N, C-alpha and C. Protein backbone atom coordinates (compact mmCIF):
# COMPACT_ATOMS: atom_id res chain seq x y z
N ALA A 1 16.00 -197.22 10.66
CA ALA A 1 17.16 -196.84 9.89
C ALA A 1 17.35 -195.33 9.97
N LYS A 2 18.58 -194.91 9.89
CA LYS A 2 18.90 -193.49 9.93
C LYS A 2 18.58 -192.85 8.58
N SER A 3 18.36 -191.56 8.61
CA SER A 3 18.08 -190.82 7.39
C SER A 3 19.19 -191.06 6.37
N GLY A 4 18.81 -191.34 5.15
CA GLY A 4 19.79 -191.56 4.09
C GLY A 4 20.21 -193.01 3.93
N GLU A 5 19.89 -193.86 4.91
CA GLU A 5 20.25 -195.28 4.79
C GLU A 5 19.26 -195.99 3.89
N GLN A 6 19.76 -196.98 3.19
CA GLN A 6 18.90 -197.79 2.32
C GLN A 6 17.94 -198.61 3.19
N GLN A 7 16.67 -198.57 2.84
CA GLN A 7 15.66 -199.35 3.55
C GLN A 7 15.56 -200.73 2.93
N PRO A 8 15.34 -201.76 3.75
CA PRO A 8 15.13 -203.09 3.17
C PRO A 8 13.88 -203.08 2.30
N THR A 9 13.89 -203.88 1.26
CA THR A 9 12.73 -203.91 0.37
C THR A 9 12.08 -205.29 0.41
N MET A 10 10.83 -205.31 0.02
CA MET A 10 10.07 -206.55 -0.04
C MET A 10 9.38 -206.57 -1.39
N ALA A 11 9.40 -207.70 -2.05
CA ALA A 11 8.70 -207.81 -3.32
C ALA A 11 7.20 -207.75 -3.09
N MET A 12 6.50 -207.14 -4.03
CA MET A 12 5.05 -207.08 -3.93
C MET A 12 4.50 -208.50 -4.09
N PRO A 13 3.64 -208.93 -3.16
CA PRO A 13 3.07 -210.28 -3.26
C PRO A 13 2.23 -210.43 -4.53
N PRO A 14 2.12 -211.63 -5.07
CA PRO A 14 1.33 -211.83 -6.29
C PRO A 14 -0.16 -211.60 -6.08
N ILE A 15 -0.62 -211.68 -4.85
CA ILE A 15 -2.03 -211.44 -4.53
C ILE A 15 -2.09 -210.71 -3.19
N MET A 16 -3.00 -209.74 -3.12
CA MET A 16 -3.16 -208.98 -1.89
C MET A 16 -4.61 -209.04 -1.42
N TYR A 17 -4.79 -208.87 -0.11
CA TYR A 17 -6.12 -208.83 0.46
C TYR A 17 -6.65 -207.41 0.31
N GLY A 18 -7.79 -207.24 -0.34
CA GLY A 18 -8.41 -205.94 -0.52
C GLY A 18 -9.36 -205.62 0.63
N THR A 19 -9.31 -204.38 1.09
CA THR A 19 -10.07 -204.02 2.28
C THR A 19 -11.24 -203.07 2.00
N ALA A 20 -11.57 -202.83 0.75
CA ALA A 20 -12.69 -201.93 0.44
C ALA A 20 -14.00 -202.57 0.87
N TRP A 21 -14.92 -201.71 1.29
CA TRP A 21 -16.30 -202.08 1.60
C TRP A 21 -16.44 -203.09 2.75
N LYS A 22 -15.49 -203.10 3.68
CA LYS A 22 -15.56 -204.01 4.82
C LYS A 22 -16.14 -203.32 6.06
N ALA A 23 -16.13 -201.99 6.05
CA ALA A 23 -16.69 -201.16 7.12
C ALA A 23 -16.23 -201.63 8.51
N GLU A 24 -17.17 -201.86 9.42
CA GLU A 24 -16.81 -202.21 10.80
C GLU A 24 -16.20 -203.60 10.92
N ARG A 25 -16.25 -204.41 9.87
CA ARG A 25 -15.66 -205.76 9.92
C ARG A 25 -14.19 -205.77 9.50
N THR A 26 -13.65 -204.60 9.12
CA THR A 26 -12.30 -204.51 8.56
C THR A 26 -11.25 -205.16 9.44
N GLU A 27 -11.19 -204.78 10.71
CA GLU A 27 -10.14 -205.31 11.59
C GLU A 27 -10.17 -206.84 11.63
N ALA A 28 -11.31 -207.42 11.91
CA ALA A 28 -11.42 -208.88 12.02
C ALA A 28 -11.08 -209.57 10.70
N LEU A 29 -11.50 -208.98 9.58
CA LEU A 29 -11.24 -209.61 8.29
C LEU A 29 -9.77 -209.52 7.89
N VAL A 30 -9.10 -208.43 8.26
CA VAL A 30 -7.66 -208.32 8.00
C VAL A 30 -6.91 -209.38 8.82
N VAL A 31 -7.29 -209.54 10.08
CA VAL A 31 -6.67 -210.58 10.92
C VAL A 31 -6.89 -211.95 10.29
N GLN A 32 -8.11 -212.22 9.86
CA GLN A 32 -8.42 -213.50 9.22
C GLN A 32 -7.58 -213.71 7.96
N ALA A 33 -7.41 -212.66 7.16
CA ALA A 33 -6.61 -212.76 5.94
C ALA A 33 -5.15 -213.07 6.26
N LEU A 34 -4.61 -212.43 7.29
CA LEU A 34 -3.22 -212.71 7.68
C LEU A 34 -3.07 -214.14 8.17
N HIS A 35 -4.05 -214.62 8.92
CA HIS A 35 -4.02 -216.02 9.38
C HIS A 35 -4.12 -216.98 8.20
N ALA A 36 -4.82 -216.57 7.14
CA ALA A 36 -4.97 -217.42 5.95
C ALA A 36 -3.71 -217.41 5.07
N GLY A 37 -2.75 -216.54 5.40
CA GLY A 37 -1.50 -216.53 4.66
C GLY A 37 -1.24 -215.30 3.82
N PHE A 38 -2.20 -214.38 3.74
CA PHE A 38 -1.95 -213.16 2.99
C PHE A 38 -0.84 -212.37 3.68
N ARG A 39 0.07 -211.81 2.89
CA ARG A 39 1.12 -210.96 3.43
C ARG A 39 1.11 -209.59 2.74
N GLY A 40 0.12 -209.38 1.90
CA GLY A 40 -0.11 -208.10 1.25
C GLY A 40 -1.51 -207.61 1.57
N VAL A 41 -1.64 -206.34 1.94
CA VAL A 41 -2.94 -205.76 2.28
C VAL A 41 -3.07 -204.45 1.52
N ASP A 42 -4.20 -204.29 0.82
CA ASP A 42 -4.47 -203.08 0.05
C ASP A 42 -5.54 -202.24 0.75
N THR A 43 -5.28 -200.95 0.83
CA THR A 43 -6.24 -200.02 1.42
C THR A 43 -6.14 -198.69 0.69
N ALA A 44 -6.85 -197.69 1.13
CA ALA A 44 -6.78 -196.36 0.52
C ALA A 44 -7.27 -195.31 1.49
N CYS A 45 -6.80 -194.09 1.27
CA CYS A 45 -7.27 -192.94 2.04
C CYS A 45 -8.56 -192.45 1.38
N GLN A 46 -9.61 -193.21 1.57
CA GLN A 46 -10.91 -192.90 0.98
C GLN A 46 -11.99 -193.43 1.92
N PRO A 47 -12.36 -192.65 2.93
CA PRO A 47 -13.31 -193.12 3.94
C PRO A 47 -14.64 -193.62 3.39
N LYS A 48 -15.01 -193.19 2.19
CA LYS A 48 -16.26 -193.65 1.60
C LYS A 48 -16.24 -195.17 1.40
N HIS A 49 -15.07 -195.73 1.11
CA HIS A 49 -14.97 -197.15 0.78
C HIS A 49 -14.05 -197.95 1.69
N TYR A 50 -13.15 -197.28 2.42
CA TYR A 50 -12.13 -197.97 3.21
C TYR A 50 -12.15 -197.51 4.66
N ASN A 51 -11.74 -198.39 5.56
CA ASN A 51 -11.60 -198.07 6.98
C ASN A 51 -10.14 -198.29 7.33
N GLU A 52 -9.30 -197.28 7.07
CA GLU A 52 -7.86 -197.44 7.29
C GLU A 52 -7.53 -197.67 8.76
N GLU A 53 -8.29 -197.09 9.67
CA GLU A 53 -8.05 -197.33 11.10
C GLU A 53 -8.26 -198.81 11.41
N GLY A 54 -9.29 -199.41 10.83
CA GLY A 54 -9.54 -200.84 11.01
C GLY A 54 -8.44 -201.70 10.39
N VAL A 55 -7.91 -201.26 9.25
CA VAL A 55 -6.79 -201.98 8.63
C VAL A 55 -5.60 -201.98 9.57
N GLY A 56 -5.27 -200.80 10.11
CA GLY A 56 -4.13 -200.70 11.02
C GLY A 56 -4.31 -201.57 12.25
N ALA A 57 -5.52 -201.55 12.82
CA ALA A 57 -5.79 -202.37 14.00
C ALA A 57 -5.69 -203.86 13.66
N GLY A 58 -6.18 -204.25 12.49
CA GLY A 58 -6.11 -205.65 12.08
C GLY A 58 -4.68 -206.10 11.82
N VAL A 59 -3.90 -205.23 11.18
CA VAL A 59 -2.49 -205.56 10.94
C VAL A 59 -1.76 -205.72 12.27
N ARG A 60 -1.96 -204.78 13.17
CA ARG A 60 -1.29 -204.83 14.48
C ARG A 60 -1.67 -206.11 15.23
N ARG A 61 -2.96 -206.42 15.26
CA ARG A 61 -3.42 -207.62 15.97
C ARG A 61 -2.91 -208.90 15.29
N GLY A 62 -2.98 -208.92 13.98
CA GLY A 62 -2.49 -210.09 13.25
C GLY A 62 -1.00 -210.31 13.46
N MET A 63 -0.23 -209.23 13.46
CA MET A 63 1.21 -209.35 13.70
C MET A 63 1.48 -209.93 15.09
N GLU A 64 0.74 -209.44 16.08
CA GLU A 64 0.92 -209.94 17.45
C GLU A 64 0.55 -211.42 17.54
N GLU A 65 -0.59 -211.79 16.97
CA GLU A 65 -1.06 -213.18 17.06
C GLU A 65 -0.16 -214.15 16.31
N LEU A 66 0.42 -213.71 15.19
CA LEU A 66 1.22 -214.60 14.35
C LEU A 66 2.72 -214.43 14.55
N GLY A 67 3.11 -213.45 15.34
CA GLY A 67 4.54 -213.21 15.55
C GLY A 67 5.23 -212.66 14.31
N LEU A 68 4.49 -211.90 13.50
CA LEU A 68 5.06 -211.31 12.29
C LEU A 68 5.73 -209.98 12.60
N THR A 69 6.67 -209.60 11.78
CA THR A 69 7.26 -208.27 11.87
C THR A 69 6.70 -207.42 10.74
N ARG A 70 6.83 -206.12 10.87
CA ARG A 70 6.33 -205.21 9.83
C ARG A 70 7.02 -205.50 8.49
N GLY A 71 8.26 -205.90 8.54
CA GLY A 71 9.02 -206.19 7.33
C GLY A 71 8.50 -207.39 6.56
N GLU A 72 7.65 -208.18 7.18
CA GLU A 72 7.09 -209.36 6.50
C GLU A 72 5.78 -209.06 5.79
N LEU A 73 5.32 -207.80 5.90
CA LEU A 73 4.04 -207.43 5.30
C LEU A 73 4.23 -206.35 4.25
N PHE A 74 3.42 -206.42 3.20
CA PHE A 74 3.40 -205.41 2.15
C PHE A 74 2.07 -204.68 2.28
N LEU A 75 2.12 -203.40 2.64
CA LEU A 75 0.90 -202.60 2.79
C LEU A 75 0.85 -201.58 1.65
N GLN A 76 -0.24 -201.59 0.94
CA GLN A 76 -0.42 -200.67 -0.18
C GLN A 76 -1.58 -199.73 0.12
N SER A 77 -1.34 -198.44 -0.02
CA SER A 77 -2.40 -197.46 0.19
C SER A 77 -2.40 -196.49 -0.97
N LYS A 78 -3.50 -195.81 -1.13
CA LYS A 78 -3.64 -194.84 -2.20
C LYS A 78 -4.29 -193.59 -1.62
N PHE A 79 -4.02 -192.47 -2.26
CA PHE A 79 -4.64 -191.21 -1.85
C PHE A 79 -5.70 -190.83 -2.87
N THR A 80 -6.86 -190.45 -2.40
CA THR A 80 -7.93 -189.98 -3.26
C THR A 80 -8.17 -188.50 -2.98
N PRO A 81 -8.09 -187.67 -4.01
CA PRO A 81 -8.36 -186.25 -3.80
C PRO A 81 -9.75 -186.02 -3.23
N LEU A 82 -9.95 -184.88 -2.62
CA LEU A 82 -11.23 -184.55 -1.97
C LEU A 82 -12.41 -184.72 -2.92
N ARG A 83 -12.26 -184.37 -4.19
CA ARG A 83 -13.39 -184.47 -5.12
C ARG A 83 -13.85 -185.92 -5.31
N GLY A 84 -13.00 -186.90 -4.96
CA GLY A 84 -13.38 -188.31 -5.06
C GLY A 84 -13.91 -188.88 -3.75
N GLN A 85 -14.01 -188.04 -2.75
CA GLN A 85 -14.46 -188.47 -1.43
C GLN A 85 -15.96 -188.26 -1.27
N ASN A 86 -16.50 -188.90 -0.28
CA ASN A 86 -17.88 -188.67 0.11
C ASN A 86 -17.84 -187.73 1.30
N PRO A 87 -18.18 -186.46 1.13
CA PRO A 87 -18.06 -185.49 2.22
C PRO A 87 -18.86 -185.89 3.48
N ALA A 88 -19.88 -186.71 3.32
CA ALA A 88 -20.69 -187.10 4.47
C ALA A 88 -20.09 -188.29 5.21
N ALA A 89 -19.07 -188.93 4.63
CA ALA A 89 -18.49 -190.13 5.25
C ALA A 89 -17.57 -189.78 6.39
């Protein structure tokens, strides 16, 4: 859409797949969740607990395998300030 145009909206699903503490299994588990019917995925910008790169890879793969469009998915992310991060992560 062009700047200033109204974006299509999607209602927040009643239940979302949470991706915390999945580590290296994140991508495969997100794909499995999409295959199971989840259309909402929750993640966060907090490397201590979340693998956002794995979430993105799982969403991309799940969309390809199921023929979904981005508009059919609700992705929720959160930002955690540096003081809430694990500097070693």
